[in-house]
N, C-alpha and C. Protein backbone atom coordinates (compact mmCIF):
# COMPACT_ATOMS: atom_id res chain seq x y z
N UNK A 1 281.88 110.45 213.44
CA UNK A 1 280.92 110.93 212.48
C UNK A 1 280.97 110.42 211.26
N UNK A 2 280.18 111.01 210.39
CA UNK A 2 280.14 110.77 208.76
C UNK A 2 280.09 108.48 208.83
N UNK A 3 279.27 108.45 209.73
CA UNK A 3 279.46 107.03 209.77
C UNK A 3 277.84 105.95 209.98
N UNK A 4 276.98 107.06 209.61
CA UNK A 4 275.41 107.52 209.37
C UNK A 4 274.75 106.90 210.61
N UNK A 5 275.38 107.20 211.75
CA UNK A 5 274.51 106.53 213.19
C UNK A 5 273.13 107.42 213.48
N UNK A 6 273.21 108.73 212.59
CA UNK A 6 271.54 108.93 212.99
C UNK A 6 270.70 108.86 212.12
N UNK A 7 271.22 108.35 210.59
CA UNK A 7 270.31 107.74 209.73
C UNK A 7 269.70 106.28 210.09
N UNK A 8 270.82 105.28 211.22
CA UNK A 8 270.39 104.01 211.24
C UNK A 8 269.48 104.76 212.39
N UNK A 9 269.80 105.68 213.29
CA UNK A 9 268.70 105.60 214.23
C UNK A 9 267.31 105.82 214.00
N UNK A 10 267.20 106.45 212.80
CA UNK A 10 266.10 106.32 212.53
C UNK A 10 265.72 105.74 211.29
N UNK A 11 265.95 105.02 210.89
CA UNK A 11 266.02 103.99 210.27
C UNK A 11 265.65 102.48 211.29
N UNK A 12 266.41 102.53 211.79
CA UNK A 12 266.01 101.84 213.65
C UNK A 12 263.81 101.98 213.82
N UNK A 13 263.87 103.29 214.19
CA UNK A 13 262.77 104.04 214.37
C UNK A 13 261.94 103.34 213.34
N UNK A 14 261.99 103.12 212.13
CA UNK A 14 260.83 102.92 210.87
C UNK A 14 260.51 101.54 211.56
N UNK A 15 261.15 100.98 211.18
CA UNK A 15 261.63 99.49 211.60
C UNK A 15 260.44 98.99 212.52
N UNK A 16 260.96 99.80 213.26
CA UNK A 16 259.91 98.99 214.83
C UNK A 16 258.27 100.00 214.59
N UNK A 17 258.50 100.44 214.05
CA UNK A 17 257.20 102.01 214.00
C UNK A 17 256.55 100.51 212.88
N UNK A 18 257.30 100.45 212.01
CA UNK A 18 256.26 99.49 210.98
C UNK A 18 256.18 98.48 211.38
N UNK A 19 256.33 97.82 212.51
CA UNK A 19 256.36 96.58 213.03
C UNK A 19 254.62 96.73 214.38
N UNK A 20 254.34 98.22 214.21
CA UNK A 20 252.93 98.51 214.82
C UNK A 20 253.84 98.73 216.85
N UNK A 21 254.80 98.53 217.09
CA UNK A 21 255.42 99.17 218.17
C UNK A 21 255.87 100.87 218.22
N UNK A 22 255.31 101.23 219.70
CA UNK A 22 255.32 102.40 220.20
C UNK A 22 256.81 102.98 220.42
N UNK A 23 257.11 103.88 220.25
CA UNK A 23 258.93 104.57 220.59
C UNK A 23 258.59 105.97 220.86
N UNK A 24 259.64 105.95 221.19
CA UNK A 24 260.18 107.52 221.46
C UNK A 24 261.68 108.03 220.79
N UNK A 25 261.52 108.55 221.05
CA UNK A 25 262.44 109.67 220.19
C UNK A 25 263.70 110.58 220.91
N UNK A 26 265.15 110.95 221.09
CA UNK A 26 265.96 111.40 221.99
C UNK A 26 266.72 111.77 221.36
N UNK A 27 266.72 112.94 221.36
CA UNK A 27 268.58 113.39 220.88
C UNK A 27 269.25 114.75 221.90
N UNK A 28 270.47 115.30 221.46
CA UNK A 28 270.46 116.35 222.46
C UNK A 28 271.49 116.91 221.25
N UNK A 29 271.08 118.52 221.31
CA UNK A 29 272.60 119.22 220.30
C UNK A 29 272.81 118.78 218.88
N UNK A 30 271.50 118.31 218.24
CA UNK A 30 272.05 117.79 217.15
C UNK A 30 272.04 119.01 215.91
N UNK A 31 272.93 118.87 215.03
CA UNK A 31 273.31 119.78 213.82
C UNK A 31 271.82 120.84 213.78
N UNK A 32 270.50 120.03 213.56
CA UNK A 32 269.84 120.64 212.97
C UNK A 32 269.24 121.76 213.91
N UNK A 33 268.66 121.65 215.32
CA UNK A 33 268.16 122.35 216.27
C UNK A 33 267.84 121.43 217.32
N UNK A 34 266.66 122.06 218.44
CA UNK A 34 266.49 121.53 219.51
C UNK A 34 265.36 120.42 219.00
N UNK A 35 265.14 119.73 219.37
CA UNK A 35 264.13 118.71 219.71
C UNK A 35 264.10 117.88 218.30
N UNK A 36 265.07 118.21 217.37
CA UNK A 36 265.00 117.05 216.10
C UNK A 36 266.41 116.02 215.90
N UNK A 37 266.03 115.08 215.65
CA UNK A 37 267.30 114.28 215.02
C UNK A 37 267.32 114.17 213.78
N UNK A 38 268.45 114.38 213.12
CA UNK A 38 268.49 114.54 211.80
C UNK A 38 270.30 114.13 211.56
N UNK A 39 269.74 113.43 209.77
CA UNK A 39 271.24 113.27 209.75
C UNK A 39 271.38 113.73 208.37
N UNK A 40 272.73 113.56 208.12
CA UNK A 40 273.35 114.89 206.84
C UNK A 40 272.57 114.15 205.50
N UNK A 41 271.93 113.08 205.30
CA UNK A 41 271.69 112.84 204.02
C UNK A 41 269.82 113.87 204.05
N UNK A 42 269.55 114.49 205.12
CA UNK A 42 268.61 114.80 204.75
C UNK A 42 267.41 114.61 205.54
N UNK A 43 267.48 113.74 206.00
CA UNK A 43 266.21 113.14 207.29
C UNK A 43 266.66 113.87 207.71
N UNK A 44 265.10 113.71 208.36
CA UNK A 44 264.62 114.24 210.22
C UNK A 44 263.63 114.03 211.33
N UNK A 45 263.44 113.75 212.14
CA UNK A 45 262.29 113.35 212.64
C UNK A 45 261.94 114.07 213.66
N UNK A 46 261.07 114.74 214.26
CA UNK A 46 260.35 115.44 215.66
C UNK A 46 261.21 114.45 216.71
N UNK A 47 261.87 114.66 218.20
CA UNK A 47 262.65 114.01 219.09
C UNK A 47 262.33 114.51 220.60
N UNK A 48 262.49 114.34 221.32
CA UNK A 48 263.02 115.26 222.39
C UNK A 48 263.81 115.72 223.48
N UNK A 49 263.84 116.72 223.19
CA UNK A 49 265.50 117.10 223.45
C UNK A 49 265.63 116.47 225.12
N UNK A 50 266.83 115.87 224.85
CA UNK A 50 267.53 115.61 226.23
C UNK A 50 268.39 116.48 226.84
N UNK A 51 268.10 117.17 227.87
CA UNK A 51 268.49 118.30 228.53
C UNK A 51 269.76 117.44 229.88
N UNK A 52 270.79 119.00 230.57
CA UNK A 52 271.11 117.32 231.63
C UNK A 52 270.68 117.13 232.94
N UNK A 53 269.52 117.62 233.14
CA UNK A 53 269.06 117.24 234.14
C UNK A 53 267.57 116.49 233.69
N UNK A 54 267.60 116.07 232.19
CA UNK A 54 266.43 115.30 232.18
C UNK A 54 266.56 113.90 232.90
N UNK A 55 265.75 113.54 233.16
CA UNK A 55 265.95 112.30 234.25
C UNK A 55 264.87 110.53 233.28
N UNK A 56 264.99 109.76 232.29
CA UNK A 56 264.76 109.46 231.55
C UNK A 56 263.89 108.30 232.02
N UNK A 57 263.79 107.61 233.48
CA UNK A 57 263.47 106.67 234.49
C UNK A 57 261.44 107.45 234.79
N UNK A 58 262.52 108.81 235.26
CA UNK A 58 260.94 109.58 235.30
C UNK A 58 259.92 109.85 234.46
N UNK A 59 260.48 109.85 233.14
CA UNK A 59 259.91 110.42 231.93
C UNK A 59 259.47 108.79 231.45
N UNK A 60 259.71 107.67 231.53
CA UNK A 60 259.11 106.87 230.81
C UNK A 60 258.30 106.10 232.34
N UNK A 61 258.53 106.10 233.63
CA UNK A 61 257.49 106.20 234.82
C UNK A 61 255.89 106.42 234.06
N UNK A 62 256.56 107.79 234.13
CA UNK A 62 255.30 108.82 234.44
C UNK A 62 253.95 108.60 233.02
N UNK A 63 255.09 108.60 231.63
CA UNK A 63 254.03 108.05 230.85
C UNK A 63 253.26 106.85 231.20
N UNK A 64 253.75 106.02 231.35
CA UNK A 64 252.89 104.21 231.64
C UNK A 64 251.99 104.42 232.31
N UNK A 65 252.02 105.64 233.37
CA UNK A 65 251.29 105.36 235.11
C UNK A 65 250.20 106.18 234.43
N UNK A 66 250.10 106.78 232.97
CA UNK A 66 249.32 107.90 232.36
C UNK A 66 249.07 107.40 231.26
N UNK A 67 249.15 106.15 230.73
CA UNK A 67 248.52 105.83 229.84
C UNK A 67 248.64 105.53 228.90
N UNK A 68 249.72 106.08 228.46
CA UNK A 68 251.12 105.69 227.52
C UNK A 68 251.62 104.18 227.04
N UNK A 69 251.84 104.35 226.25
CA UNK A 69 252.51 102.59 225.74
C UNK A 69 253.96 102.96 225.00
N UNK A 70 254.91 102.14 225.19
CA UNK A 70 256.54 102.54 224.71
C UNK A 70 257.17 101.43 225.41
N UNK A 71 257.03 101.09 224.09
CA UNK A 71 257.93 99.54 223.50
C UNK A 71 259.48 99.65 223.39
N UNK A 72 260.03 100.77 223.21
CA UNK A 72 261.17 100.86 223.33
C UNK A 72 261.54 102.99 222.76
N UNK A 73 262.76 102.32 223.24
CA UNK A 73 263.17 104.35 223.16
C UNK A 73 265.11 104.34 221.75
N UNK A 74 264.32 105.57 220.99
CA UNK A 74 265.72 105.38 219.85
C UNK A 74 266.57 106.82 220.72
N UNK A 75 267.46 106.75 221.55
CA UNK A 75 268.81 107.84 221.63
C UNK A 75 269.77 108.15 221.22
N UNK A 76 269.33 109.27 220.67
CA UNK A 76 271.08 109.62 219.48
C UNK A 76 271.91 110.64 220.37
N UNK A 77 272.71 110.94 219.74
CA UNK A 77 274.16 111.85 220.33
C UNK A 77 273.88 111.76 221.61
N UNK A 78 273.98 109.54 222.59
CA UNK A 78 274.06 109.68 223.62
C UNK A 78 275.18 109.78 223.94
N UNK A 79 276.65 110.13 223.14
CA UNK A 79 277.80 110.52 224.07
C UNK A 79 277.38 111.88 225.11
N UNK A 80 276.60 112.58 224.55
CA UNK A 80 276.37 114.38 225.23
C UNK A 80 275.36 113.77 226.43
N UNK A 81 274.70 112.27 227.09
CA UNK A 81 274.17 112.35 228.07
C UNK A 81 275.25 112.24 229.45
N UNK A 82 274.79 112.79 230.27
CA UNK A 82 275.35 112.29 231.31
C UNK A 82 275.58 110.41 232.03
N UNK A 83 276.03 110.06 232.79
CA UNK A 83 276.60 109.15 232.92
C UNK A 83 275.64 108.45 233.93
N UNK A 84 275.00 109.65 234.93
CA UNK A 84 273.47 109.40 235.29
C UNK A 84 272.65 108.75 234.57
N UNK A 85 272.50 109.64 233.45
CA UNK A 85 271.42 109.34 232.85
C UNK A 85 270.90 107.97 231.59
N UNK A 86 272.42 107.62 231.45
CA UNK A 86 273.22 106.24 230.43
C UNK A 86 272.59 104.95 231.71
N UNK A 87 272.49 105.84 232.98
CA UNK A 87 271.77 104.58 234.22
C UNK A 87 270.62 104.32 234.23
N UNK A 88 269.61 105.36 233.74
CA UNK A 88 268.34 105.14 234.06
C UNK A 88 268.25 104.84 232.83
N UNK A 89 269.39 104.98 231.53
CA UNK A 89 268.48 103.69 230.89
C UNK A 89 268.43 102.42 230.90
N UNK A 90 269.36 102.41 231.09
CA UNK A 90 269.93 100.65 231.64
C UNK A 90 269.12 100.22 233.08
N UNK A 91 268.38 101.11 233.81
CA UNK A 91 267.26 101.06 234.69
C UNK A 91 265.84 100.38 233.74
N UNK A 92 265.77 100.95 233.00
CA UNK A 92 264.38 101.02 232.42
C UNK A 92 264.26 100.08 231.60
N UNK A 93 264.90 99.19 230.67
CA UNK A 93 265.65 97.99 230.42
C UNK A 93 265.36 96.87 231.08
N UNK A 94 266.04 97.00 232.39
CA UNK A 94 265.80 96.13 233.40
C UNK A 94 264.64 95.57 233.93
N UNK A 95 264.25 96.62 234.34
CA UNK A 95 263.48 96.88 235.27
C UNK A 95 261.88 97.08 234.45
N UNK A 96 261.70 97.26 233.35
CA UNK A 96 260.36 97.86 232.97
C UNK A 96 260.56 97.07 231.48
N UNK A 97 261.56 96.38 230.76
CA UNK A 97 261.84 95.37 229.50
C UNK A 97 261.16 96.20 228.70
N UNK A 98 261.76 97.54 228.69
CA UNK A 98 262.33 98.40 227.44
C UNK A 98 262.98 98.64 226.79
N UNK A 99 262.87 98.21 225.51
CA UNK A 99 264.42 98.47 224.42
C UNK A 99 264.90 99.64 224.41
N UNK A 100 266.73 99.80 224.20
CA UNK A 100 266.86 100.90 224.17
C UNK A 100 267.74 100.94 223.17
N UNK A 101 267.73 102.17 222.38
CA UNK A 101 268.63 102.26 221.03
C UNK A 101 269.70 103.03 221.13
N UNK A 102 270.72 102.81 221.87
CA UNK A 102 271.49 104.30 221.99
C UNK A 102 272.32 104.12 220.42
N UNK A 103 272.53 105.49 220.35
CA UNK A 103 273.42 105.86 219.07
C UNK A 103 274.45 107.03 219.45
N UNK A 104 275.66 106.94 219.31
CA UNK A 104 276.87 108.04 218.96
C UNK A 104 277.79 107.51 219.21
N UNK A 105 278.79 108.49 219.55
CA UNK A 105 280.38 108.50 219.28
C UNK A 105 280.88 108.64 220.35
N UNK A 106 282.15 107.49 220.53
CA UNK A 106 282.82 106.88 221.60
C UNK A 106 284.07 108.27 222.09
N UNK A 107 284.71 108.94 221.59
CA UNK A 107 285.47 109.68 221.39
C UNK A 107 285.50 111.30 221.26
N UNK A 108 285.86 111.87 221.90
CA UNK A 108 285.98 113.22 221.44
C UNK A 108 286.79 114.15 220.56
N UNK A 109 287.00 115.02 220.41
CA UNK A 109 288.34 115.64 219.60
C UNK A 109 290.02 115.61 220.15
N UNK A 110 289.64 115.27 221.19
CA UNK A 110 291.26 114.97 221.88
C UNK A 110 291.16 113.75 221.99
N UNK A 111 290.40 112.71 221.33
CA UNK A 111 291.02 110.99 221.50
C UNK A 111 290.60 110.72 222.86
N UNK A 112 289.54 111.21 223.77
CA UNK A 112 288.96 110.83 224.85
C UNK A 112 287.62 110.43 224.94
N UNK A 113 287.40 109.74 225.94
CA UNK A 113 285.88 109.05 226.36
C UNK A 113 285.00 110.19 226.17
N UNK A 114 283.88 110.44 225.76
CA UNK A 114 282.74 110.75 226.15
C UNK A 114 282.31 110.18 227.93
N UNK A 115 281.57 111.17 228.55
CA UNK A 115 281.19 110.37 230.06
C UNK A 115 279.65 109.59 229.11
N UNK A 116 279.44 109.88 228.63
CA UNK A 116 278.62 109.32 228.80
C UNK A 116 278.90 108.30 228.22
N UNK A 117 279.39 108.07 226.73
CA UNK A 117 280.00 106.97 226.10
C UNK A 117 280.92 105.98 227.39
N UNK A 118 281.54 106.08 228.12
CA UNK A 118 281.95 105.36 228.97
C UNK A 118 281.32 104.68 229.90
N UNK A 119 280.25 104.96 229.86
CA UNK A 119 279.13 104.69 231.14
C UNK A 119 278.68 103.57 229.76
N UNK A 120 278.19 104.07 228.87
CA UNK A 120 277.61 103.11 227.88
C UNK A 120 278.49 101.67 227.70
N UNK A 121 279.75 102.16 227.33
CA UNK A 121 280.83 101.07 227.62
C UNK A 121 280.73 99.64 228.55
N UNK A 122 280.48 100.19 229.77
CA UNK A 122 280.72 99.86 230.78
C UNK A 122 278.94 99.01 231.10
N UNK A 123 278.02 99.64 230.64
CA UNK A 123 276.73 98.64 230.67
C UNK A 123 276.48 98.53 229.63
N UNK A 124 276.37 98.47 228.06
CA UNK A 124 275.42 97.99 227.54
C UNK A 124 275.70 96.47 227.44
N UNK A 125 274.23 96.27 226.91
CA UNK A 125 273.73 94.41 226.58
C UNK A 125 274.87 94.07 225.24
N UNK A 126 274.38 94.83 224.84
CA UNK A 126 275.20 94.83 223.76
C UNK A 126 276.02 96.16 222.66
N UNK A 127 276.97 95.89 221.88
CA UNK A 127 277.64 96.98 221.26
C UNK A 127 277.75 96.81 219.49
N UNK A 128 277.57 97.17 219.12
CA UNK A 128 277.78 97.41 217.42
C UNK A 128 278.68 98.38 216.82
N UNK A 129 279.54 98.00 216.34
CA UNK A 129 280.32 99.47 214.93
C UNK A 129 279.65 99.20 214.12
N UNK A 130 279.58 100.61 213.36
CA UNK A 130 278.32 100.97 212.63
C UNK A 130 279.51 100.37 210.85
N UNK A 131 278.42 99.76 210.32
CA UNK A 131 279.19 98.64 208.78
C UNK A 131 279.36 99.86 207.81
N UNK A 132 279.05 101.48 208.13
CA UNK A 132 279.82 102.20 206.85
C UNK A 132 280.70 103.17 207.39
N UNK A 133 281.82 102.75 207.30
CA UNK A 133 283.09 103.04 207.79
C UNK A 133 282.99 104.66 206.75
N UNK A 134 283.35 105.85 208.43
CA UNK A 134 284.22 106.72 208.22
C UNK A 134 284.86 106.70 206.86
N UNK A 135 285.16 107.98 206.60
CA UNK A 135 287.35 107.76 205.93
C UNK A 135 287.92 109.23 205.45
N UNK A 136 289.27 108.89 206.42
CA UNK A 136 289.55 110.01 206.65
C UNK A 136 290.05 110.55 204.76
N UNK A 137 289.98 111.58 204.87
CA UNK A 137 291.22 112.09 203.89
C UNK A 137 291.70 111.49 202.59
N UNK A 138 292.83 110.68 203.12
CA UNK A 138 293.67 109.78 202.63
C UNK A 138 292.89 108.65 202.44
N UNK A 139 291.95 108.25 202.25
CA UNK A 139 291.21 107.24 202.04
C UNK A 139 291.19 106.10 203.11
N UNK A 140 292.03 106.01 203.94
CA UNK A 140 292.08 104.96 204.86
C UNK A 140 290.82 105.45 206.21
N UNK A 141 290.72 104.35 206.85
CA UNK A 141 289.51 104.45 207.55
C UNK A 141 289.82 105.63 208.66
N UNK A 142 288.29 105.79 209.19
CA UNK A 142 288.62 107.17 209.99
C UNK A 142 288.28 106.84 210.85
N UNK A 143 289.15 107.01 212.52
CA UNK A 143 289.42 106.60 213.65
C UNK A 143 289.24 107.23 214.35
N UNK A 144 289.14 108.94 214.78
CA UNK A 144 289.60 110.31 214.98
C UNK A 144 288.16 111.40 214.83
N UNK A 145 287.52 112.12 215.63
CA UNK A 145 287.42 113.00 215.25
C UNK A 145 288.16 113.85 215.59
N UNK A 146 288.42 115.09 214.66
CA UNK A 146 289.20 116.62 214.57
C UNK A 146 288.46 117.40 214.60
N UNK A 147 289.11 118.69 215.85
CA UNK A 147 287.94 119.71 215.58
C UNK A 147 288.80 120.91 214.64
N UNK A 148 288.22 121.50 214.30
CA UNK A 148 288.76 123.11 213.88
C UNK A 148 288.25 123.96 214.06
N UNK A 149 288.82 125.10 214.31
CA UNK A 149 288.95 126.59 214.86
C UNK A 149 289.10 127.39 213.51
N UNK A 150 288.22 127.80 212.37
CA UNK A 150 288.78 129.04 211.94
C UNK A 150 289.54 128.56 210.82
N UNK A 151 289.17 126.67 210.54
CA UNK A 151 290.35 125.91 209.95
C UNK A 151 291.12 125.29 210.08
N UNK A 152 291.27 125.95 211.32
CA UNK A 152 292.92 125.29 212.11
C UNK A 152 292.45 123.74 213.41
N UNK A 153 292.98 123.04 213.02
CA UNK A 153 292.76 121.62 214.04
C UNK A 153 293.38 121.88 215.54
N UNK A 154 292.72 121.98 216.58
CA UNK A 154 292.78 122.46 217.42
C UNK A 154 292.16 121.12 218.66
N UNK A 155 293.07 120.47 219.58
CA UNK A 155 292.97 119.82 220.98
C UNK A 155 293.33 120.03 222.31
N UNK A 156 292.93 121.48 222.17
CA UNK A 156 292.54 121.72 223.60
C UNK A 156 291.19 122.58 223.57
N UNK A 157 290.68 122.93 225.00
CA UNK A 157 288.85 123.31 224.31
C UNK A 157 288.57 122.30 225.17
N UNK A 158 286.72 122.92 225.70
CA UNK A 158 286.09 122.74 225.66
C UNK A 158 284.97 121.67 225.70
N UNK A 159 284.63 120.18 225.79
CA UNK A 159 285.16 118.76 225.00
C UNK A 159 283.46 118.64 224.99
N UNK A 160 282.45 119.34 224.81
CA UNK A 160 281.66 119.41 223.64
C UNK A 160 281.53 121.40 223.36
N UNK A 161 281.61 121.53 221.83
CA UNK A 161 281.43 122.56 221.28
C UNK A 161 280.54 122.16 220.44
N UNK A 162 279.22 122.46 219.94
CA UNK A 162 278.67 122.18 218.66
C UNK A 162 279.21 122.95 217.26
N UNK A 163 279.49 122.09 216.62
CA UNK A 163 279.84 122.61 215.09
C UNK A 163 279.61 121.43 213.86
N UNK A 164 279.66 121.35 213.08
CA UNK A 164 279.40 120.30 211.46
C UNK A 164 280.44 120.46 211.00
N UNK A 165 280.15 119.28 209.90
CA UNK A 165 281.37 119.19 208.86
C UNK A 165 280.93 119.55 207.93
N UNK A 166 280.28 120.61 207.86
CA UNK A 166 280.04 121.75 207.06
C UNK A 166 280.00 123.56 207.84
N UNK A 167 281.02 123.67 208.50
CA UNK A 167 280.98 124.70 209.15
C UNK A 167 280.57 125.86 208.05
N UNK A 168 280.24 126.99 208.40
CA UNK A 168 279.95 128.09 207.42
C UNK A 168 281.07 128.64 208.23
N UNK A 169 280.48 130.60 207.77
CA UNK A 169 280.71 131.57 207.98
C UNK A 169 280.02 132.34 209.51
N UNK A 170 281.07 132.91 210.20
CA UNK A 170 280.68 132.93 211.92
C UNK A 170 279.98 134.38 211.29
N UNK A 171 279.10 133.54 212.53
CA UNK A 171 277.83 134.97 212.65
C UNK A 171 279.06 136.27 213.62
N UNK A 172 279.41 136.32 213.98
CA UNK A 172 280.11 137.33 214.89
C UNK A 172 281.04 137.24 214.36
N UNK A 173 281.78 137.92 214.11
CA UNK A 173 282.89 138.52 213.93
C UNK A 173 284.46 137.89 215.02
N UNK A 174 284.12 138.08 216.49
CA UNK A 174 285.01 137.19 217.35
C UNK A 174 284.83 136.17 217.44
N UNK A 175 283.97 135.57 217.36
CA UNK A 175 284.07 134.08 217.27
C UNK A 175 284.56 133.09 216.26
N UNK A 176 284.69 132.70 216.76
CA UNK A 176 285.62 131.11 215.73
C UNK A 176 284.31 130.30 215.30
N UNK A 177 284.81 130.30 213.65
CA UNK A 177 283.70 129.03 212.84
C UNK A 177 284.40 127.37 213.38
N UNK A 178 283.34 127.18 214.19
CA UNK A 178 284.08 125.25 214.79
C UNK A 178 283.43 124.40 213.48
N UNK A 179 284.27 123.20 213.44
CA UNK A 179 283.97 122.22 212.61
C UNK A 179 284.15 121.36 212.69
N UNK A 180 284.56 120.08 212.81
CA UNK A 180 284.48 118.89 212.60
C UNK A 180 284.82 118.10 211.60
N UNK A 181 286.14 117.14 211.29
CA UNK A 181 286.26 116.00 210.40
C UNK A 181 286.84 115.55 211.17
N UNK A 182 286.53 114.04 209.97
CA UNK A 182 286.97 112.67 210.75
C UNK A 182 288.51 112.40 210.40
N UNK A 183 289.54 111.90 210.45
CA UNK A 183 290.78 111.48 210.12
C UNK A 183 291.16 110.02 210.78
N UNK A 184 292.51 109.45 210.38
CA UNK A 184 292.95 108.08 210.62
C UNK A 184 293.71 109.08 211.91
N UNK A 185 293.87 108.10 212.37
CA UNK A 185 295.02 107.89 213.28
C UNK A 185 296.17 108.92 212.89
N UNK A 186 296.96 108.57 212.10
CA UNK A 186 298.32 109.33 211.77
C UNK A 186 297.99 109.93 211.66
N UNK A 187 297.17 111.07 210.68
CA UNK A 187 296.75 112.36 210.57
C UNK A 187 296.23 113.36 211.46
N UNK A 188 295.63 112.78 212.79
CA UNK A 188 295.14 113.03 214.10
C UNK A 188 295.89 113.70 214.46
N UNK A 189 297.43 112.44 214.90
CA UNK A 189 298.34 112.96 215.70
C UNK A 189 299.31 113.56 215.12
N UNK A 190 299.00 114.13 213.51
CA UNK A 190 300.12 115.05 213.34
C UNK A 190 299.46 116.74 212.48
N UNK A 191 297.43 116.57 212.75
CA UNK A 191 297.61 117.74 212.56
C UNK A 191 296.81 117.73 211.50
N UNK A 192 297.11 117.02 210.86
CA UNK A 192 296.62 116.98 209.13
C UNK A 192 295.57 116.94 208.60
N UNK A 193 294.83 117.77 208.56
CA UNK A 193 293.22 117.61 207.61
C UNK A 193 293.36 118.10 206.40
N UNK A 194 292.05 117.61 205.84
CA UNK A 194 292.01 117.63 204.10
C UNK A 194 292.62 119.15 203.84
N UNK A 195 292.51 120.34 204.77
CA UNK A 195 292.39 121.37 203.95
C UNK A 195 294.47 121.97 204.01
N UNK A 196 294.86 121.75 205.58
CA UNK A 196 295.91 121.74 205.07
C UNK A 196 296.66 120.73 204.20
N UNK A 197 296.51 119.64 204.61
CA UNK A 197 297.89 118.56 203.14
C UNK A 197 296.76 119.83 202.06
N UNK A 198 296.18 119.72 201.56
CA UNK A 198 295.86 120.31 199.82
C UNK A 198 296.79 121.45 200.39
N UNK A 199 296.46 122.61 201.32
CA UNK A 199 297.25 123.74 201.11
C UNK A 199 299.11 123.33 200.94
N UNK A 200 299.64 122.13 201.87
CA UNK A 200 301.07 121.85 201.77
C UNK A 200 301.20 121.62 200.26
N UNK A 201 300.57 120.42 199.61
CA UNK A 201 300.86 120.07 198.04
C UNK A 201 300.63 121.18 197.26
N UNK A 202 299.95 122.02 197.77
CA UNK A 202 299.88 123.26 197.12
C UNK A 202 301.47 123.98 196.63
N UNK A 203 302.35 124.08 197.80
CA UNK A 203 303.90 124.86 198.10
C UNK A 203 304.62 124.00 196.67
N UNK A 204 305.01 125.04 196.02
CA UNK A 204 305.88 124.86 194.91
C UNK A 204 307.23 124.09 195.70
N UNK A 205 307.53 123.09 194.95
CA UNK A 205 308.99 123.10 195.38
C UNK A 205 310.36 123.86 195.13
N UNK A 206 311.11 123.67 196.31
CA UNK A 206 312.37 124.90 196.00
C UNK A 206 313.33 124.53 194.61
N UNK A 207 313.32 125.62 194.08
CA UNK A 207 314.89 125.19 193.05
C UNK A 207 315.81 123.94 193.46
N UNK A 208 316.60 123.77 192.46
CA UNK A 208 318.19 123.01 193.19
C UNK A 208 319.15 123.64 193.19
N UNK A 209 318.96 124.74 194.09
CA UNK A 209 320.09 125.76 193.68
C UNK A 209 319.67 126.85 194.71
N UNK A 210 320.59 127.28 195.33
CA UNK A 210 320.51 128.52 196.34
C UNK A 210 320.65 130.04 195.30
């Protein structure tokens, strides 16, 4: 997160479209809502929503046999795709010679690979680490995604829960406000988020006597 992957996905689409190439954009569980690819810079683009039963191979073959032109696919939030969908994308590349650009994060809030990301690592022709480094609140390179519930970092729960780095008030008083924050490994292991670090720093030092 915070590395500009969705911004790069939009830029990649722009660059190819500017060269008169025809593409399709896919995403799932985007912060802006269904069928939308958005970046935190405020850029958005219509997209096709990838549900769990979506079949990339069937979609592309059906489109081509009905006269559509497809030169490339932009696939954002690829960590949420199933392993089978990643295999479908690889088949599109190998058998139809269509470029696939997949964007996503590798690990979840527990520092474990998403199934989709794991399959991408296994099958991708090329992997690029984004040049924009996400930073922990301490200034070090952020390598881990932390999930917070009502401001408290958690390390257990469902792997996929949609939230954002700018979580607001919960609509339901019974529901926890879920947010995400990028941390360096040290502070992820210590569960030391920016808010907790600030709270600790504001605790007055004890007086030098009993």
